[in-house]
Amino acid sequence: MKAYELLFFVAPSTDEETRTAVMKRIETTISDAKGTVDNVDNWGKRKLAYEINGLTDGDYTLVDFHADPADVAELDRILRITDTVVRHMIVKRTDRD
């Protein structure tokens, strides 16, 4: 298992129930692939560097997890098709293997 970091944001107008559903979907995808979620850090509302889809702010969440590299592609696919997630980025952490 390799260490990864996922940073994503949703629109700040998104309700708490929808945010929780997105996070549950991420955790389920990782755990179904025999991975583990190490830490979830909700950064809250932050200003975007530039306007994206008419948004100037985003509600950020950082997720540290361990998973197999093949399973990260599935997580990336799920995040791309989830309408609530505006942008996301998954990065391999070489300092935490």
C-alpha atoms as a PDB file:
ATOM      1  CA  MET A   1       0.000   0.000   0.000  1.00  0.00           C
ATOM      2  CA  LYS A   2       1.203   3.473  -0.871  1.00  0.00           C
ATOM      3  CA  ALA A   3       0.404   6.714   0.951  1.00  0.00           C
ATOM      4  CA  TYR A   4      -1.739   9.276  -0.871  1.00  0.00           C
ATOM      5  CA  GLU A   5      -3.270  12.646  -0.210  1.00  0.00           C
ATOM      6  CA  LEU A   6      -6.580  13.803  -1.696  1.00  0.00           C
ATOM      7  CA  LEU A   7      -7.591  17.444  -1.694  1.00  0.00           C
ATOM      8  CA  PHE A   8     -11.022  18.365  -3.026  1.00  0.00           C
ATOM      9  CA  PHE A   9     -13.483  21.198  -2.737  1.00  0.00           C
ATOM     10  CA  VAL A  10     -17.202  21.672  -3.104  1.00  0.00           C
ATOM     11  CA  ALA A  11     -19.255  24.836  -3.489  1.00  0.00           C
ATOM     12  CA  PRO A  12     -19.619  26.642  -0.130  1.00  0.00           C
ATOM     13  CA  SER A  13     -23.391  26.713  -0.630  1.00  0.00           C
ATOM     14  CA  THR A  14     -23.504  22.891  -0.557  1.00  0.00           C
ATOM     15  CA  ASP A  15     -25.420  21.623   2.457  1.00  0.00           C
ATOM     16  CA  GLU A  16     -23.794  19.511   5.181  1.00  0.00           C
ATOM     17  CA  GLU A  17     -25.745  16.384   4.229  1.00  0.00           C
ATOM     18  CA  THR A  18     -24.360  16.442   0.679  1.00  0.00           C
ATOM     19  CA  ARG A  19     -20.792  17.027   1.924  1.00  0.00           C
ATOM     20  CA  THR A  20     -21.141  14.083   4.291  1.00  0.00           C
ATOM     21  CA  ALA A  21     -22.442  11.890   1.445  1.00  0.00           C
ATOM     22  CA  VAL A  22     -19.427  12.780  -0.724  1.00  0.00           C
ATOM     23  CA  MET A  23     -17.025  11.989   2.124  1.00  0.00           C
ATOM     24  CA  LYS A  24     -18.831   8.704   2.818  1.00  0.00           C
ATOM     25  CA  ARG A  25     -18.530   7.770  -0.863  1.00  0.00           C
ATOM     26  CA  ILE A  26     -14.770   8.457  -0.776  1.00  0.00           C
ATOM     27  CA  GLU A  27     -14.284   6.417   2.405  1.00  0.00           C
ATOM     28  CA  THR A  28     -16.351   3.538   0.998  1.00  0.00           C
ATOM     29  CA  THR A  29     -14.367   3.481  -2.250  1.00  0.00           C
ATOM     30  CA  ILE A  30     -11.055   3.380  -0.364  1.00  0.00           C
ATOM     31  CA  SER A  31     -12.170   0.739   2.147  1.00  0.00           C
ATOM     32  CA  ASP A  32     -13.758  -1.498  -0.540  1.00  0.00           C
ATOM     33  CA  ALA A  33     -10.339  -1.625  -2.200  1.00  0.00           C
ATOM     34  CA  LYS A  34      -8.753  -2.733   1.114  1.00  0.00           C
ATOM     35  CA  GLY A  35      -7.263   0.722   1.695  1.00  0.00           C
ATOM     36  CA  THR A  36      -7.328   2.785   4.874  1.00  0.00           C
ATOM     37  CA  VAL A  37      -8.266   6.406   5.546  1.00  0.00           C
ATOM     38  CA  ASP A  38      -5.637   7.800   7.918  1.00  0.00           C
ATOM     39  CA  ASN A  39      -6.871  11.345   8.476  1.00  0.00           C
ATOM     40  CA  VAL A  40      -9.636  13.695   7.305  1.00  0.00           C
ATOM     41  CA  ASP A  41      -9.005  17.404   7.743  1.00  0.00           C
ATOM     42  CA  ASN A  42     -11.806  19.842   6.897  1.00  0.00           C
ATOM     43  CA  TRP A  43     -10.130  23.112   5.941  1.00  0.00           C
ATOM     44  CA  GLY A  44     -13.418  24.955   5.576  1.00  0.00           C
ATOM     45  CA  LYS A  45     -14.185  27.858   3.276  1.00  0.00           C
ATOM     46  CA  ARG A  46     -11.221  29.307   1.364  1.00  0.00           C
ATOM     47  CA  LYS A  47     -10.857  31.890  -1.381  1.00  0.00           C
ATOM     48  CA  LEU A  48     -10.050  30.477  -4.834  1.00  0.00           C
ATOM     49  CA  ALA A  49      -7.106  31.861  -6.797  1.00  0.00           C
ATOM     50  CA  TYR A  50      -9.402  32.376  -9.771  1.00  0.00           C
ATOM     51  CA  GLU A  51     -13.086  31.968 -10.515  1.00  0.00           C
ATOM     52  CA  ILE A  52     -14.189  28.413 -11.355  1.00  0.00           C
ATOM     53  CA  ASN A  53     -17.714  27.799 -12.664  1.00  0.00           C
ATOM     54  CA  GLY A  54     -18.827  31.138 -11.221  1.00  0.00           C
ATOM     55  CA  LEU A  55     -17.427  30.320  -7.751  1.00  0.00           C
ATOM     56  CA  THR A  56     -14.941  32.520  -5.914  1.00  0.00           C
ATOM     57  CA  ASP A  57     -14.851  30.405  -2.713  1.00  0.00           C
ATOM     58  CA  GLY A  58     -14.666  26.679  -2.036  1.00  0.00           C
ATOM     59  CA  ASP A  59     -15.115  24.387   0.967  1.00  0.00           C
ATOM     60  CA  TYR A  60     -11.908  22.302   1.106  1.00  0.00           C
ATOM     61  CA  THR A  61     -11.279  18.857   2.593  1.00  0.00           C
ATOM     62  CA  LEU A  62      -7.914  17.054   2.831  1.00  0.00           C
ATOM     63  CA  VAL A  63      -7.877  13.244   3.106  1.00  0.00           C
ATOM     64  CA  ASP A  64      -4.740  11.204   3.886  1.00  0.00           C
ATOM     65  CA  PHE A  65      -5.070   7.531   2.968  1.00  0.00           C
ATOM     66  CA  HIS A  66      -3.222   4.348   2.015  1.00  0.00           C
ATOM     67  CA  ALA A  67      -4.276   2.346  -1.044  1.00  0.00           C
ATOM     68  CA  ASP A  68      -2.932   0.291  -3.919  1.00  0.00           C
ATOM     69  CA  PRO A  69      -1.998   2.358  -6.995  1.00  0.00           C
ATOM     70  CA  ALA A  70      -4.531   0.516  -9.183  1.00  0.00           C
ATOM     71  CA  ASP A  71      -7.362   1.468  -6.815  1.00  0.00           C
ATOM     72  CA  VAL A  72      -6.486   5.172  -6.897  1.00  0.00           C
ATOM     73  CA  ALA A  73      -7.586   5.295 -10.543  1.00  0.00           C
ATOM     74  CA  GLU A  74     -11.064   4.124  -9.496  1.00  0.00           C
ATOM     75  CA  LEU A  75     -11.247   6.807  -6.797  1.00  0.00           C
ATOM     76  CA  ASP A  76     -10.201   9.431  -9.359  1.00  0.00           C
ATOM     77  CA  ARG A  77     -12.927   8.224 -11.748  1.00  0.00           C
ATOM     78  CA  ILE A  78     -15.585   8.434  -9.052  1.00  0.00           C
ATOM     79  CA  LEU A  79     -14.535  11.962  -8.077  1.00  0.00           C
ATOM     80  CA  ARG A  80     -14.647  13.080 -11.718  1.00  0.00           C
ATOM     81  CA  ILE A  81     -18.245  11.909 -12.150  1.00  0.00           C
ATOM     82  CA  THR A  82     -19.443  13.299  -8.806  1.00  0.00           C
ATOM     83  CA  ASP A  83     -21.168  16.590  -9.630  1.00  0.00           C
ATOM     84  CA  THR A  84     -20.776  17.983  -6.109  1.00  0.00           C
ATOM     85  CA  VAL A  85     -16.948  17.895  -6.270  1.00  0.00           C
ATOM     86  CA  VAL A  86     -15.804  20.956  -8.230  1.00  0.00           C
ATOM     87  CA  ARG A  87     -12.080  20.086  -8.341  1.00  0.00           C
ATOM     88  CA  HIS A  88      -9.886  17.395  -6.804  1.00  0.00           C
ATOM     89  CA  MET A  89      -6.265  16.311  -6.797  1.00  0.00           C
ATOM     90  CA  ILE A  90      -4.688  13.034  -5.640  1.00  0.00           C
ATOM     91  CA  VAL A  91      -0.954  13.067  -4.888  1.00  0.00           C
ATOM     92  CA  LYS A  92       1.333  10.187  -3.908  1.00  0.00           C
ATOM     93  CA  ARG A  93       3.150  10.923  -0.626  1.00  0.00           C
ATOM     94  CA  THR A  94       6.691   9.555  -0.792  1.00  0.00           C
ATOM     95  CA  ASP A  95       7.478  10.837   2.705  1.00  0.00           C
ATOM     96  CA  ARG A  96       4.814   8.657   4.377  1.00  0.00           C
ATOM     97  CA  ASP A  97       5.206   5.182   2.856  1.00  0.00           C
END
